[in-house]
Amino acid sequence: MPNRVKDIYALFAAIVLLVSLLLSSEARADYAGGEVSDSWQFQVFLDDKEIGFHNYHLIEEGEQRRLLSQARFEYRLLFVTLFRYEHENVETWSGDCLQSIRSQTDSNGTNYRLDGALENDVFMLDSQDGTARLPDCVMTFAYWDPDFLQQARLLNSQDGSFLDVNVSSPEPDEVVVRGQLVPARRYHLEAGDLSLHLWYSEDDEWLALESEVGGGRTLRYRAI
């Protein structure tokens, strides 16, 4: 396999841990009647080449919250699509604890599914690999909620893996947001094969994400 193609596959192996993609009509129906309380919208780039988008919509439903995440990634070389990735994900939260999750993924023709819910103080998870029993309070890679940075383990919303996480102490930094340079706190997160930087404002708003991927390339989220 040519090195460039290997690099592209390494890139999307990293993206697998980052994204939740285009939602089906069934997933959107979960939000009927809900009110969007917050949103995060990003253009996504590989180095300077735009490859898609990633949006989050948070909906308040009484004491619970539902998260709808939407994204699409496609990488082309010389007008040929080398990789396409689609994933849909719906999460229900109570405080900082996941109550339920449902996701489906098509990773360049490889399909994944995930269905989980809190049952009798155990989070039961069903995936293409079987059933797993997780602790009663689980968090996914909820970049939109900086409290997730305090967790020792996080759930991958694509394949159901429960990963050990290492997060650095925050460092003062600056990042460009919507064309302006703003002060921020930068964190470095590692989990499995994932290694990335996250930027948050002084008010804990998620501002940006960067990850070094295959071939020395950088995956970037730019807020819009």
Protein backbone atom coordinates (compact mmCIF):
# COMPACT_ATOMS: atom_id res chain seq x y z
CA MET A 1 0.00 0.00 0.00
CA PRO A 2 1.49 3.43 -0.93
CA ASN A 3 2.63 5.54 2.01
CA ARG A 4 0.13 8.30 1.21
CA VAL A 5 -2.79 5.88 1.36
CA LYS A 6 -1.44 4.42 4.63
CA ASP A 7 -1.29 7.93 6.04
CA ILE A 8 -4.91 8.57 5.07
CA TYR A 9 -6.08 5.40 6.81
CA ALA A 10 -4.10 6.36 9.90
CA LEU A 11 -5.83 9.73 9.80
CA PHE A 12 -9.29 8.24 9.80
CA ALA A 13 -8.39 5.75 12.53
CA ALA A 14 -7.84 8.84 14.68
CA ILE A 15 -11.00 10.54 13.43
CA VAL A 16 -13.00 7.48 14.52
CA LEU A 17 -12.38 8.57 18.13
CA LEU A 18 -13.36 12.17 17.45
CA VAL A 19 -16.58 12.27 15.50
CA SER A 20 -20.30 11.67 15.50
CA LEU A 21 -21.84 12.02 12.06
CA LEU A 22 -24.94 12.67 9.96
CA LEU A 23 -28.13 11.78 11.82
CA SER A 24 -30.94 9.67 10.38
CA SER A 25 -34.60 10.72 10.51
CA GLU A 26 -35.09 8.25 13.38
CA ALA A 27 -32.40 9.96 15.43
CA ARG A 28 -33.77 13.42 14.68
CA ALA A 29 -37.20 12.24 15.86
CA ASP A 30 -35.76 11.83 19.36
CA TYR A 31 -35.59 15.63 19.51
CA ALA A 32 -39.15 16.41 18.46
CA GLY A 33 -40.56 19.00 20.82
CA GLY A 34 -37.23 19.71 22.48
CA GLU A 35 -35.64 23.14 22.74
CA VAL A 36 -32.03 23.64 21.68
CA SER A 37 -30.22 25.26 24.60
CA ASP A 38 -26.71 25.34 23.14
CA SER A 39 -24.85 24.55 19.91
CA TRP A 40 -21.26 24.11 18.77
CA GLN A 41 -20.47 24.23 15.06
CA PHE A 42 -17.10 23.53 13.47
CA GLN A 43 -15.52 23.39 10.05
CA VAL A 44 -13.04 20.52 9.92
CA PHE A 45 -9.73 20.69 8.08
CA LEU A 46 -6.90 18.31 7.32
CA ASP A 47 -4.00 20.76 7.39
CA ASP A 48 -5.47 23.54 5.21
CA LYS A 49 -7.89 21.33 3.24
CA GLU A 50 -11.52 21.38 4.36
CA ILE A 51 -12.90 17.83 4.66
CA GLY A 52 -16.24 18.35 6.38
CA PHE A 53 -18.08 19.63 9.43
CA HIS A 54 -18.94 18.63 12.98
CA ASN A 55 -21.89 20.19 14.82
CA TYR A 56 -23.39 19.58 18.26
CA HIS A 57 -26.86 20.53 19.48
CA LEU A 58 -27.82 20.25 23.15
CA ILE A 59 -31.49 20.03 24.09
CA GLU A 60 -32.89 20.51 27.59
CA GLU A 61 -35.71 18.18 28.60
CA GLY A 62 -36.58 18.85 32.23
CA GLU A 63 -33.76 17.49 34.39
CA GLN A 64 -32.24 15.63 31.46
CA ARG A 65 -30.27 16.73 28.41
CA ARG A 66 -30.09 15.17 24.97
CA LEU A 67 -27.14 15.65 22.67
CA LEU A 68 -27.45 15.50 18.90
CA SER A 69 -24.11 15.50 17.08
CA GLN A 70 -23.80 15.83 13.31
CA ALA A 71 -20.75 15.63 11.11
CA ARG A 72 -19.52 14.45 7.74
CA PHE A 73 -15.96 13.73 6.58
CA GLU A 74 -14.76 12.89 3.10
CA TYR A 75 -11.19 12.83 1.82
CA ARG A 76 -10.49 13.02 -1.90
CA LEU A 77 -7.27 12.83 -3.86
CA LEU A 78 -7.22 13.73 -7.56
CA PHE A 79 -11.05 13.66 -7.66
CA VAL A 80 -11.11 10.14 -6.17
CA THR A 81 -12.81 9.57 -2.81
CA LEU A 82 -10.31 7.63 -0.72
CA PHE A 83 -12.27 7.61 2.51
CA ARG A 84 -15.82 8.43 3.57
CA TYR A 85 -17.09 8.20 7.14
CA GLU A 86 -20.64 8.57 8.46
CA HIS A 87 -21.82 8.16 12.01
CA GLU A 88 -25.01 9.04 13.87
CA ASN A 89 -25.23 9.43 17.62
CA VAL A 90 -27.88 10.35 20.19
CA GLU A 91 -26.99 10.66 23.88
CA THR A 92 -29.18 11.30 26.93
CA TRP A 93 -27.58 12.80 30.03
CA SER A 94 -28.51 13.44 33.66
CA GLY A 95 -25.92 15.77 35.14
CA ASP A 96 -22.51 14.41 34.12
CA CYS A 97 -23.74 10.81 33.81
CA LEU A 98 -24.73 9.19 30.54
CA GLN A 99 -28.23 7.70 30.69
CA SER A 100 -28.45 6.24 27.19
CA ILE A 101 -26.66 6.18 23.86
CA ARG A 102 -27.47 4.96 20.36
CA SER A 103 -25.11 5.21 17.41
CA GLN A 104 -24.58 3.74 13.96
CA THR A 105 -21.44 4.11 11.89
CA ASP A 106 -20.33 3.41 8.35
CA SER A 107 -16.54 3.72 8.26
CA ASN A 108 -15.72 3.33 4.57
CA GLY A 109 -17.97 0.29 4.31
CA THR A 110 -17.29 -1.16 7.77
CA ASN A 111 -20.41 -0.91 9.92
CA TYR A 112 -20.65 -0.42 13.68
CA ARG A 113 -23.59 -0.11 16.03
CA LEU A 114 -23.91 0.84 19.68
CA ASP A 115 -26.90 0.82 22.01
CA GLY A 116 -26.65 1.41 25.74
CA ALA A 117 -28.70 2.47 28.75
CA LEU A 118 -28.46 2.74 32.52
CA GLU A 119 -30.21 -0.25 34.14
CA ASN A 120 -30.28 -0.87 37.90
CA ASP A 121 -27.08 1.09 38.62
CA VAL A 122 -25.20 -0.58 35.74
CA PHE A 123 -24.69 0.92 32.29
CA MET A 124 -25.47 -1.93 29.90
CA LEU A 125 -23.87 -1.60 26.49
CA ASP A 126 -24.66 -3.66 23.40
CA SER A 127 -22.43 -3.46 20.32
CA GLN A 128 -21.34 -5.54 17.35
CA ASP A 129 -18.79 -7.12 19.71
CA GLY A 130 -21.34 -8.23 22.30
CA THR A 131 -22.56 -6.94 25.67
CA ALA A 132 -20.58 -5.03 28.29
CA ARG A 133 -21.35 -3.87 31.84
CA LEU A 134 -19.97 -0.43 32.70
CA PRO A 135 -20.12 1.70 35.86
CA ASP A 136 -23.32 3.58 36.67
CA CYS A 137 -21.82 6.99 35.78
CA VAL A 138 -20.10 6.96 32.37
CA MET A 139 -19.04 9.85 30.14
CA THR A 140 -18.28 9.84 26.43
CA PHE A 141 -15.72 12.12 24.77
CA ALA A 142 -18.03 15.06 25.52
CA TYR A 143 -15.77 17.87 24.29
CA TRP A 144 -18.67 20.31 24.70
CA ASP A 145 -18.65 19.68 28.49
CA PRO A 146 -15.24 20.45 30.07
CA ASP A 147 -16.14 18.28 33.06
CA PHE A 148 -15.25 15.28 30.88
CA LEU A 149 -11.59 16.29 31.30
CA GLN A 150 -11.76 15.11 34.92
CA GLN A 151 -12.58 11.51 33.99
CA ALA A 152 -10.11 8.62 34.22
CA ARG A 153 -11.96 6.59 31.57
CA LEU A 154 -14.21 7.57 28.67
CA LEU A 155 -16.58 5.70 26.35
CA ASN A 156 -15.92 5.71 22.61
CA SER A 157 -19.34 6.36 21.07
CA GLN A 158 -18.50 4.44 17.89
CA ASP A 159 -17.33 1.01 18.98
CA GLY A 160 -18.08 0.96 22.73
CA SER A 161 -14.46 0.74 23.90
CA PHE A 162 -13.95 2.11 27.43
CA LEU A 163 -10.59 3.86 27.32
CA ASP A 164 -8.12 5.00 29.95
CA VAL A 165 -7.59 8.76 29.62
CA ASN A 166 -4.70 11.04 30.52
CA VAL A 167 -5.30 14.81 30.52
CA SER A 168 -2.64 17.46 31.15
CA SER A 169 -3.04 20.45 33.42
CA PRO A 170 -4.35 23.51 31.53
CA GLU A 171 -1.87 25.96 30.05
CA PRO A 172 -2.60 29.59 29.12
CA ASP A 173 -2.71 30.08 25.36
CA GLU A 174 -4.41 31.95 22.52
CA VAL A 175 -6.46 30.59 19.62
CA VAL A 176 -8.14 32.08 16.57
CA VAL A 177 -11.94 31.91 16.86
CA ARG A 178 -14.10 33.28 14.03
CA GLY A 179 -11.20 35.37 12.78
CA GLN A 180 -10.16 36.81 16.14
CA LEU A 181 -7.32 35.83 18.46
CA VAL A 182 -8.75 35.15 21.92
CA PRO A 183 -7.26 34.01 25.25
CA ALA A 184 -7.81 30.34 26.08
CA ARG A 185 -6.82 27.38 28.23
CA ARG A 186 -5.18 24.52 26.35
CA TYR A 187 -5.31 20.85 27.41
CA HIS A 188 -3.55 17.82 25.97
CA LEU A 189 -5.56 14.58 26.02
CA GLU A 190 -4.38 11.02 25.32
CA ALA A 191 -6.57 7.92 25.14
CA GLY A 192 -5.56 4.78 23.26
CA ASP A 193 -4.32 5.94 19.85
CA LEU A 194 -5.88 9.37 20.29
CA SER A 195 -3.67 12.38 21.07
CA LEU A 196 -5.10 15.87 20.76
CA HIS A 197 -5.20 19.45 22.02
CA LEU A 198 -8.37 21.17 23.21
CA TRP A 199 -8.93 24.88 23.79
CA TYR A 200 -11.54 26.38 26.14
CA SER A 201 -12.40 29.97 26.90
CA GLU A 202 -12.21 31.53 30.34
CA ASP A 203 -15.97 30.81 30.54
CA ASP A 204 -15.45 27.10 29.68
CA GLU A 205 -16.70 27.37 26.11
CA TRP A 206 -15.15 24.79 23.77
CA LEU A 207 -13.25 26.79 21.14
CA ALA A 208 -11.04 24.48 19.10
CA LEU A 209 -9.49 21.04 18.67
CA GLU A 210 -6.33 19.84 16.93
CA SER A 211 -4.87 16.36 16.54
CA GLU A 212 -1.66 15.23 14.89
CA VAL A 213 -2.52 12.32 12.58
CA GLY A 214 -0.83 10.11 9.98
CA GLY A 215 2.01 11.50 7.92
CA GLY A 216 2.58 14.50 10.16
CA ARG A 217 -0.75 16.05 9.17
CA THR A 218 -2.98 18.00 11.55
CA LEU A 219 -6.73 17.63 11.94
CA ARG A 220 -8.29 20.97 12.97
CA TYR A 221 -11.71 22.04 14.21
CA ARG A 222 -12.47 25.71 13.53
CA ALA A 223 -15.53 27.24 15.19
CA ILE A 224 -18.05 28.93 12.91
